[in-house]
PDB file of all heavy atoms in Angstrom:
ATOM      1  N   PRO A   1     -18.955   4.317 -20.210  1.00  0.00           N
ATOM      2  CA  PRO A   1     -20.286   4.929 -20.102  1.00  0.00           C
ATOM      3  C   PRO A   1     -21.346   3.982 -19.560  1.00  0.00           C
ATOM      4  O   PRO A   1     -22.375   4.428 -19.047  1.00  0.00           O
ATOM      5  CB  PRO A   1     -20.594   5.336 -21.548  1.00  0.00           C
ATOM      6  CG  PRO A   1     -19.746   4.447 -22.388  1.00  0.00           C
ATOM      7  CD  PRO A   1     -18.504   4.197 -21.601  1.00  0.00           C
ATOM      8  N   ALA A   2     -21.104   2.667 -19.661  1.00  0.00           N
ATOM      9  CA  ALA A   2     -22.069   1.715 -19.105  1.00  0.00           C
ATOM     10  C   ALA A   2     -22.055   1.750 -17.580  1.00  0.00           C
ATOM     11  O   ALA A   2     -23.067   1.441 -16.940  1.00  0.00           O
ATOM     12  CB  ALA A   2     -21.754   0.307 -19.606  1.00  0.00           C
ATOM     13  N   PHE A   3     -20.931   2.119 -16.998  1.00  0.00           N
ATOM     14  CA  PHE A   3     -20.805   2.182 -15.547  1.00  0.00           C
ATOM     15  C   PHE A   3     -20.874   3.616 -15.025  1.00  0.00           C
ATOM     16  O   PHE A   3     -21.368   3.858 -13.924  1.00  0.00           O
ATOM     17  CB  PHE A   3     -19.473   1.558 -15.106  1.00  0.00           C
ATOM     18  CG  PHE A   3     -19.410   0.057 -15.219  1.00  0.00           C
ATOM     19  CD1 PHE A   3     -20.467  -0.673 -15.751  1.00  0.00           C
ATOM     20  CD2 PHE A   3     -18.299  -0.631 -14.795  1.00  0.00           C
ATOM     21  CE1 PHE A   3     -20.410  -2.052 -15.859  1.00  0.00           C
ATOM     22  CE2 PHE A   3     -18.222  -2.015 -14.884  1.00  0.00           C
ATOM     23  CZ  PHE A   3     -19.291  -2.726 -15.418  1.00  0.00           C
ATOM     24  N   PHE A   4     -20.341   4.562 -15.807  1.00  0.00           N
ATOM     25  CA  PHE A   4     -20.279   5.959 -15.375  1.00  0.00           C
ATOM     26  C   PHE A   4     -20.796   6.862 -16.494  1.00  0.00           C
ATOM     27  O   PHE A   4     -20.016   7.483 -17.218  1.00  0.00           O
ATOM     28  CB  PHE A   4     -18.840   6.331 -15.006  1.00  0.00           C
ATOM     29  CG  PHE A   4     -18.273   5.531 -13.857  1.00  0.00           C
ATOM     30  CD1 PHE A   4     -17.582   4.349 -14.100  1.00  0.00           C
ATOM     31  CD2 PHE A   4     -18.456   5.946 -12.554  1.00  0.00           C
ATOM     32  CE1 PHE A   4     -17.076   3.600 -13.051  1.00  0.00           C
ATOM     33  CE2 PHE A   4     -17.954   5.209 -11.494  1.00  0.00           C
ATOM     34  CZ  PHE A   4     -17.264   4.019 -11.737  1.00  0.00           C
ATOM     35  N   PRO A   5     -22.123   6.909 -16.667  1.00  0.00           N
ATOM     36  CA  PRO A   5     -22.692   7.726 -17.754  1.00  0.00           C
ATOM     37  C   PRO A   5     -22.498   9.228 -17.536  1.00  0.00           C
ATOM     38  O   PRO A   5     -22.531   9.999 -18.497  1.00  0.00           O
ATOM     39  CB  PRO A   5     -24.172   7.342 -17.737  1.00  0.00           C
ATOM     40  CG  PRO A   5     -24.429   6.838 -16.350  1.00  0.00           C
ATOM     41  CD  PRO A   5     -23.154   6.178 -15.919  1.00  0.00           C
ATOM     42  N   ASP A   6     -22.314   9.652 -16.290  1.00  0.00           N
ATOM     43  CA  ASP A   6     -22.149  11.069 -15.979  1.00  0.00           C
ATOM     44  C   ASP A   6     -20.981  11.235 -15.019  1.00  0.00           C
ATOM     45  O   ASP A   6     -21.171  11.434 -13.812  1.00  0.00           O
ATOM     46  CB  ASP A   6     -23.442  11.619 -15.363  1.00  0.00           C
ATOM     47  CG  ASP A   6     -23.342  13.097 -14.997  1.00  0.00           C
ATOM     48  OD1 ASP A   6     -22.406  13.774 -15.490  1.00  0.00           O
ATOM     49  OD2 ASP A   6     -24.187  13.565 -14.205  1.00  0.00           O
ATOM     50  N   PRO A   7     -19.753  11.155 -15.536  1.00  0.00           N
ATOM     51  CA  PRO A   7     -18.590  11.211 -14.633  1.00  0.00           C
ATOM     52  C   PRO A   7     -18.536  12.481 -13.802  1.00  0.00           C
ATOM     53  O   PRO A   7     -18.249  12.430 -12.591  1.00  0.00           O
ATOM     54  CB  PRO A   7     -17.401  11.128 -15.594  1.00  0.00           C
ATOM     55  CG  PRO A   7     -17.939  10.504 -16.828  1.00  0.00           C
ATOM     56  CD  PRO A   7     -19.354  10.956 -16.937  1.00  0.00           C
ATOM     57  N   GLU A   8     -18.802  13.640 -14.429  1.00  0.00           N
ATOM     58  CA  GLU A   8     -18.732  14.900 -13.684  1.00  0.00           C
ATOM     59  C   GLU A   8     -19.738  14.919 -12.548  1.00  0.00           C
ATOM     60  O   GLU A   8     -19.436  15.354 -11.435  1.00  0.00           O
ATOM     61  CB  GLU A   8     -18.964  16.092 -14.617  1.00  0.00           C
ATOM     62  CG  GLU A   8     -17.858  16.341 -15.618  1.00  0.00           C
ATOM     63  CD  GLU A   8     -18.059  15.568 -16.915  1.00  0.00           C
ATOM     64  OE1 GLU A   8     -18.909  14.643 -16.935  1.00  0.00           O
ATOM     65  OE2 GLU A   8     -17.381  15.888 -17.904  1.00  0.00           O
ATOM     66  N   GLY A   9     -20.966  14.434 -12.825  1.00  0.00           N
ATOM     67  CA  GLY A   9     -21.975  14.389 -11.774  1.00  0.00           C
ATOM     68  C   GLY A   9     -21.590  13.440 -10.656  1.00  0.00           C
ATOM     69  O   GLY A   9     -21.807  13.737  -9.468  1.00  0.00           O
ATOM     70  N   PHE A  10     -21.019  12.287 -11.018  1.00  0.00           N
ATOM     71  CA  PHE A  10     -20.568  11.309 -10.024  1.00  0.00           C
ATOM     72  C   PHE A  10     -19.493  11.906  -9.123  1.00  0.00           C
ATOM     73  O   PHE A  10     -19.579  11.828  -7.889  1.00  0.00           O
ATOM     74  CB  PHE A  10     -20.047  10.071 -10.747  1.00  0.00           C
ATOM     75  CG  PHE A  10     -19.269   9.118  -9.892  1.00  0.00           C
ATOM     76  CD1 PHE A  10     -19.897   8.362  -8.919  1.00  0.00           C
ATOM     77  CD2 PHE A  10     -17.894   8.974 -10.067  1.00  0.00           C
ATOM     78  CE1 PHE A  10     -19.170   7.476  -8.121  1.00  0.00           C
ATOM     79  CE2 PHE A  10     -17.161   8.097  -9.287  1.00  0.00           C
ATOM     80  CZ  PHE A  10     -17.807   7.349  -8.317  1.00  0.00           C
ATOM     81  N   LEU A  11     -18.496  12.530  -9.731  1.00  0.00           N
ATOM     82  CA  LEU A  11     -17.401  13.110  -8.955  1.00  0.00           C
ATOM     83  C   LEU A  11     -17.882  14.275  -8.098  1.00  0.00           C
ATOM     84  O   LEU A  11     -17.467  14.430  -6.941  1.00  0.00           O
ATOM     85  CB  LEU A  11     -16.295  13.574  -9.900  1.00  0.00           C
ATOM     86  CG  LEU A  11     -15.590  12.462 -10.694  1.00  0.00           C
ATOM     87  CD1 LEU A  11     -14.705  13.060 -11.784  1.00  0.00           C
ATOM     88  CD2 LEU A  11     -14.777  11.563  -9.779  1.00  0.00           C
ATOM     89  N   SER A  12     -18.763  15.082  -8.648  1.00  0.00           N
ATOM     90  CA  SER A  12     -19.293  16.219  -7.899  1.00  0.00           C
ATOM     91  C   SER A  12     -20.075  15.761  -6.676  1.00  0.00           C
ATOM     92  O   SER A  12     -19.979  16.355  -5.595  1.00  0.00           O
ATOM     93  CB  SER A  12     -20.176  17.071  -8.810  1.00  0.00           C
ATOM     94  OG  SER A  12     -20.758  18.137  -8.101  1.00  0.00           O
ATOM     95  N   THR A  13     -20.862  14.686  -6.841  1.00  0.00           N
ATOM     96  CA  THR A  13     -21.640  14.168  -5.704  1.00  0.00           C
ATOM     97  C   THR A  13     -20.726  13.641  -4.604  1.00  0.00           C
ATOM     98  O   THR A  13     -20.970  13.883  -3.411  1.00  0.00           O
ATOM     99  CB  THR A  13     -22.593  13.055  -6.171  1.00  0.00           C
ATOM    100  OG1 THR A  13     -23.461  13.561  -7.190  1.00  0.00           O
ATOM    101  CG2 THR A  13     -23.436  12.529  -5.018  1.00  0.00           C
ATOM    102  N   LEU A  14     -19.670  12.919  -4.997  1.00  0.00           N
ATOM    103  CA  LEU A  14     -18.730  12.425  -3.996  1.00  0.00           C
ATOM    104  C   LEU A  14     -18.066  13.575  -3.249  1.00  0.00           C
ATOM    105  O   LEU A  14     -17.924  13.539  -2.019  1.00  0.00           O
ATOM    106  CB  LEU A  14     -17.664  11.552  -4.659  1.00  0.00           C
ATOM    107  CG  LEU A  14     -18.085  10.143  -5.066  1.00  0.00           C
ATOM    108  CD1 LEU A  14     -16.941   9.419  -5.750  1.00  0.00           C
ATOM    109  CD2 LEU A  14     -18.548   9.333  -3.857  1.00  0.00           C
ATOM    110  N   HIS A  15     -17.663  14.607  -3.983  1.00  0.00           N
ATOM    111  CA  HIS A  15     -17.040  15.764  -3.334  1.00  0.00           C
ATOM    112  C   HIS A  15     -18.008  16.448  -2.376  1.00  0.00           C
ATOM    113  O   HIS A  15     -17.614  16.908  -1.295  1.00  0.00           O
ATOM    114  CB  HIS A  15     -16.559  16.757  -4.390  1.00  0.00           C
ATOM    115  CG  HIS A  15     -15.351  16.284  -5.139  1.00  0.00           C
ATOM    116  ND1 HIS A  15     -14.991  16.772  -6.363  1.00  0.00           N
ATOM    117  CD2 HIS A  15     -14.409  15.347  -4.819  1.00  0.00           C
ATOM    118  CE1 HIS A  15     -13.886  16.179  -6.775  1.00  0.00           C
ATOM    119  NE2 HIS A  15     -13.506  15.309  -5.851  1.00  0.00           N
ATOM    120  N   ALA A  16     -19.270  16.506  -2.764  1.00  0.00           N
ATOM    121  CA  ALA A  16     -20.268  17.128  -1.895  1.00  0.00           C
ATOM    122  C   ALA A  16     -20.430  16.356  -0.590  1.00  0.00           C
ATOM    123  O   ALA A  16     -20.824  16.928   0.431  1.00  0.00           O
ATOM    124  CB  ALA A  16     -21.601  17.224  -2.635  1.00  0.00           C
ATOM    125  N   LYS A  17     -20.125  15.061  -0.634  1.00  0.00           N
ATOM    126  CA  LYS A  17     -20.218  14.230   0.567  1.00  0.00           C
ATOM    127  C   LYS A  17     -18.892  14.210   1.333  1.00  0.00           C
ATOM    128  O   LYS A  17     -18.735  13.459   2.297  1.00  0.00           O
ATOM    129  CB  LYS A  17     -20.631  12.801   0.180  1.00  0.00           C
ATOM    130  CG  LYS A  17     -22.041  12.701  -0.381  1.00  0.00           C
ATOM    131  CD  LYS A  17     -22.373  11.274  -0.760  1.00  0.00           C
ATOM    132  CE  LYS A  17     -23.805  11.162  -1.271  1.00  0.00           C
ATOM    133  NZ  LYS A  17     -24.791  11.445  -0.211  1.00  0.00           N
ATOM    134  N   GLY A  18     -17.937  15.007   0.883  1.00  0.00           N
ATOM    135  CA  GLY A  18     -16.664  15.100   1.596  1.00  0.00           C
ATOM    136  C   GLY A  18     -15.638  14.058   1.209  1.00  0.00           C
ATOM    137  O   GLY A  18     -14.604  13.945   1.868  1.00  0.00           O
ATOM    138  N   ALA A  19     -15.904  13.284   0.138  1.00  0.00           N
ATOM    139  CA  ALA A  19     -14.987  12.225  -0.266  1.00  0.00           C
ATOM    140  C   ALA A  19     -14.128  12.688  -1.445  1.00  0.00           C
ATOM    141  O   ALA A  19     -14.634  13.323  -2.379  1.00  0.00           O
ATOM    142  CB  ALA A  19     -15.762  10.967  -0.660  1.00  0.00           C
ATOM    143  N   HIS A  20     -12.850  12.391  -1.379  1.00  0.00           N
ATOM    144  CA  HIS A  20     -11.944  12.642  -2.493  1.00  0.00           C
ATOM    145  C   HIS A  20     -11.832  11.374  -3.333  1.00  0.00           C
ATOM    146  O   HIS A  20     -12.042  10.270  -2.833  1.00  0.00           O
ATOM    147  CB  HIS A  20     -10.569  13.066  -1.978  1.00  0.00           C
ATOM    148  CG  HIS A  20     -10.589  14.376  -1.251  1.00  0.00           C
ATOM    149  ND1 HIS A  20     -11.097  14.505   0.036  1.00  0.00           N
ATOM    150  CD2 HIS A  20     -10.190  15.608  -1.624  1.00  0.00           C
ATOM    151  CE1 HIS A  20     -10.996  15.768   0.415  1.00  0.00           C
ATOM    152  NE2 HIS A  20     -10.444  16.454  -0.567  1.00  0.00           N
ATOM    153  N   VAL A  21     -11.465  11.537  -4.599  1.00  0.00           N
ATOM    154  CA  VAL A  21     -11.531  10.425  -5.537  1.00  0.00           C
ATOM    155  C   VAL A  21     -10.150  10.107  -6.096  1.00  0.00           C
ATOM    156  O   VAL A  21      -9.419  10.993  -6.552  1.00  0.00           O
ATOM    157  CB  VAL A  21     -12.490  10.729  -6.702  1.00  0.00           C
ATOM    158  CG1 VAL A  21     -12.602   9.518  -7.631  1.00  0.00           C
ATOM    159  CG2 VAL A  21     -13.861  11.112  -6.164  1.00  0.00           C
ATOM    160  N   CYS A  22      -9.808   8.818  -6.058  1.00  0.00           N
ATOM    161  CA  CYS A  22      -8.570   8.301  -6.619  1.00  0.00           C
ATOM    162  C   CYS A  22      -8.928   7.262  -7.674  1.00  0.00           C
ATOM    163  O   CYS A  22      -9.735   6.362  -7.420  1.00  0.00           O
ATOM    164  CB  CYS A  22      -7.725   7.665  -5.512  1.00  0.00           C
ATOM    165  SG  CYS A  22      -6.254   6.789  -6.077  1.00  0.00           S
ATOM    166  N   LEU A  23      -8.337   7.380  -8.872  1.00  0.00           N
ATOM    167  CA  LEU A  23      -8.588   6.418  -9.941  1.00  0.00           C
ATOM    168  C   LEU A  23      -7.377   5.518 -10.151  1.00  0.00           C
ATOM    169  O   LEU A  23      -6.235   5.962 -10.096  1.00  0.00           O
ATOM    170  CB  LEU A  23      -8.902   7.132 -11.266  1.00  0.00           C
ATOM    171  CG  LEU A  23     -10.196   7.932 -11.362  1.00  0.00           C
ATOM    172  CD1 LEU A  23     -10.430   8.375 -12.806  1.00  0.00           C
ATOM    173  CD2 LEU A  23     -11.384   7.146 -10.855  1.00  0.00           C
ATOM    174  N   ASN A  24      -7.656   4.240 -10.425  1.00  0.00           N
ATOM    175  CA  ASN A  24      -6.623   3.264 -10.703  1.00  0.00           C
ATOM    176  C   ASN A  24      -5.987   3.526 -12.067  1.00  0.00           C
ATOM    177  O   ASN A  24      -6.670   3.888 -13.020  1.00  0.00           O
ATOM    178  CB  ASN A  24      -7.246   1.863 -10.670  1.00  0.00           C
ATOM    179  CG  ASN A  24      -6.251   0.769 -10.953  1.00  0.00           C
ATOM    180  OD1 ASN A  24      -5.948   0.488 -12.098  1.00  0.00           O
ATOM    181  ND2 ASN A  24      -5.753   0.133  -9.914  1.00  0.00           N
ATOM    182  N   LEU A  25      -4.670   3.321 -12.155  1.00  0.00           N
ATOM    183  CA  LEU A  25      -3.933   3.658 -13.363  1.00  0.00           C
ATOM    184  C   LEU A  25      -2.874   2.599 -13.656  1.00  0.00           C
ATOM    185  O   LEU A  25      -2.066   2.261 -12.807  1.00  0.00           O
ATOM    186  CB  LEU A  25      -3.270   5.028 -13.185  1.00  0.00           C
ATOM    187  CG  LEU A  25      -2.426   5.572 -14.326  1.00  0.00           C
ATOM    188  CD1 LEU A  25      -3.301   5.850 -15.541  1.00  0.00           C
ATOM    189  CD2 LEU A  25      -1.716   6.852 -13.886  1.00  0.00           C
ATOM    190  N   HIS A  26      -2.897   2.056 -14.897  1.00  0.00           N
ATOM    191  CA  HIS A  26      -1.857   1.145 -15.402  1.00  0.00           C
ATOM    192  C   HIS A  26      -1.377   1.696 -16.745  1.00  0.00           C
ATOM    193  O   HIS A  26      -1.931   1.360 -17.786  1.00  0.00           O
ATOM    194  CB  HIS A  26      -2.409  -0.265 -15.634  1.00  0.00           C
ATOM    195  CG  HIS A  26      -2.827  -0.992 -14.409  1.00  0.00           C
ATOM    196  ND1 HIS A  26      -4.062  -0.837 -13.841  1.00  0.00           N
ATOM    197  CD2 HIS A  26      -2.175  -1.909 -13.648  1.00  0.00           C
ATOM    198  CE1 HIS A  26      -4.160  -1.631 -12.788  1.00  0.00           C
ATOM    199  NE2 HIS A  26      -3.029  -2.283 -12.639  1.00  0.00           N
ATOM    200  N   PRO A  27      -0.352   2.522 -16.781  1.00  0.00           N
ATOM    201  CA  PRO A  27      -0.037   3.225 -18.030  1.00  0.00           C
ATOM    202  C   PRO A  27       0.792   2.460 -19.049  1.00  0.00           C
ATOM    203  O   PRO A  27       0.983   2.948 -20.165  1.00  0.00           O
ATOM    204  CB  PRO A  27       0.736   4.442 -17.538  1.00  0.00           C
ATOM    205  CG  PRO A  27       1.370   3.991 -16.272  1.00  0.00           C
ATOM    206  CD  PRO A  27       0.415   3.028 -15.638  1.00  0.00           C
TER     207      PRO A  27
END
């Protein structure tokens, strides 16, 4: 939350700009 307080808003804005989002994963 210190870096991404509004994840849905962040992702929605990127999509509106035509960018798709990939998240890093170490399971």
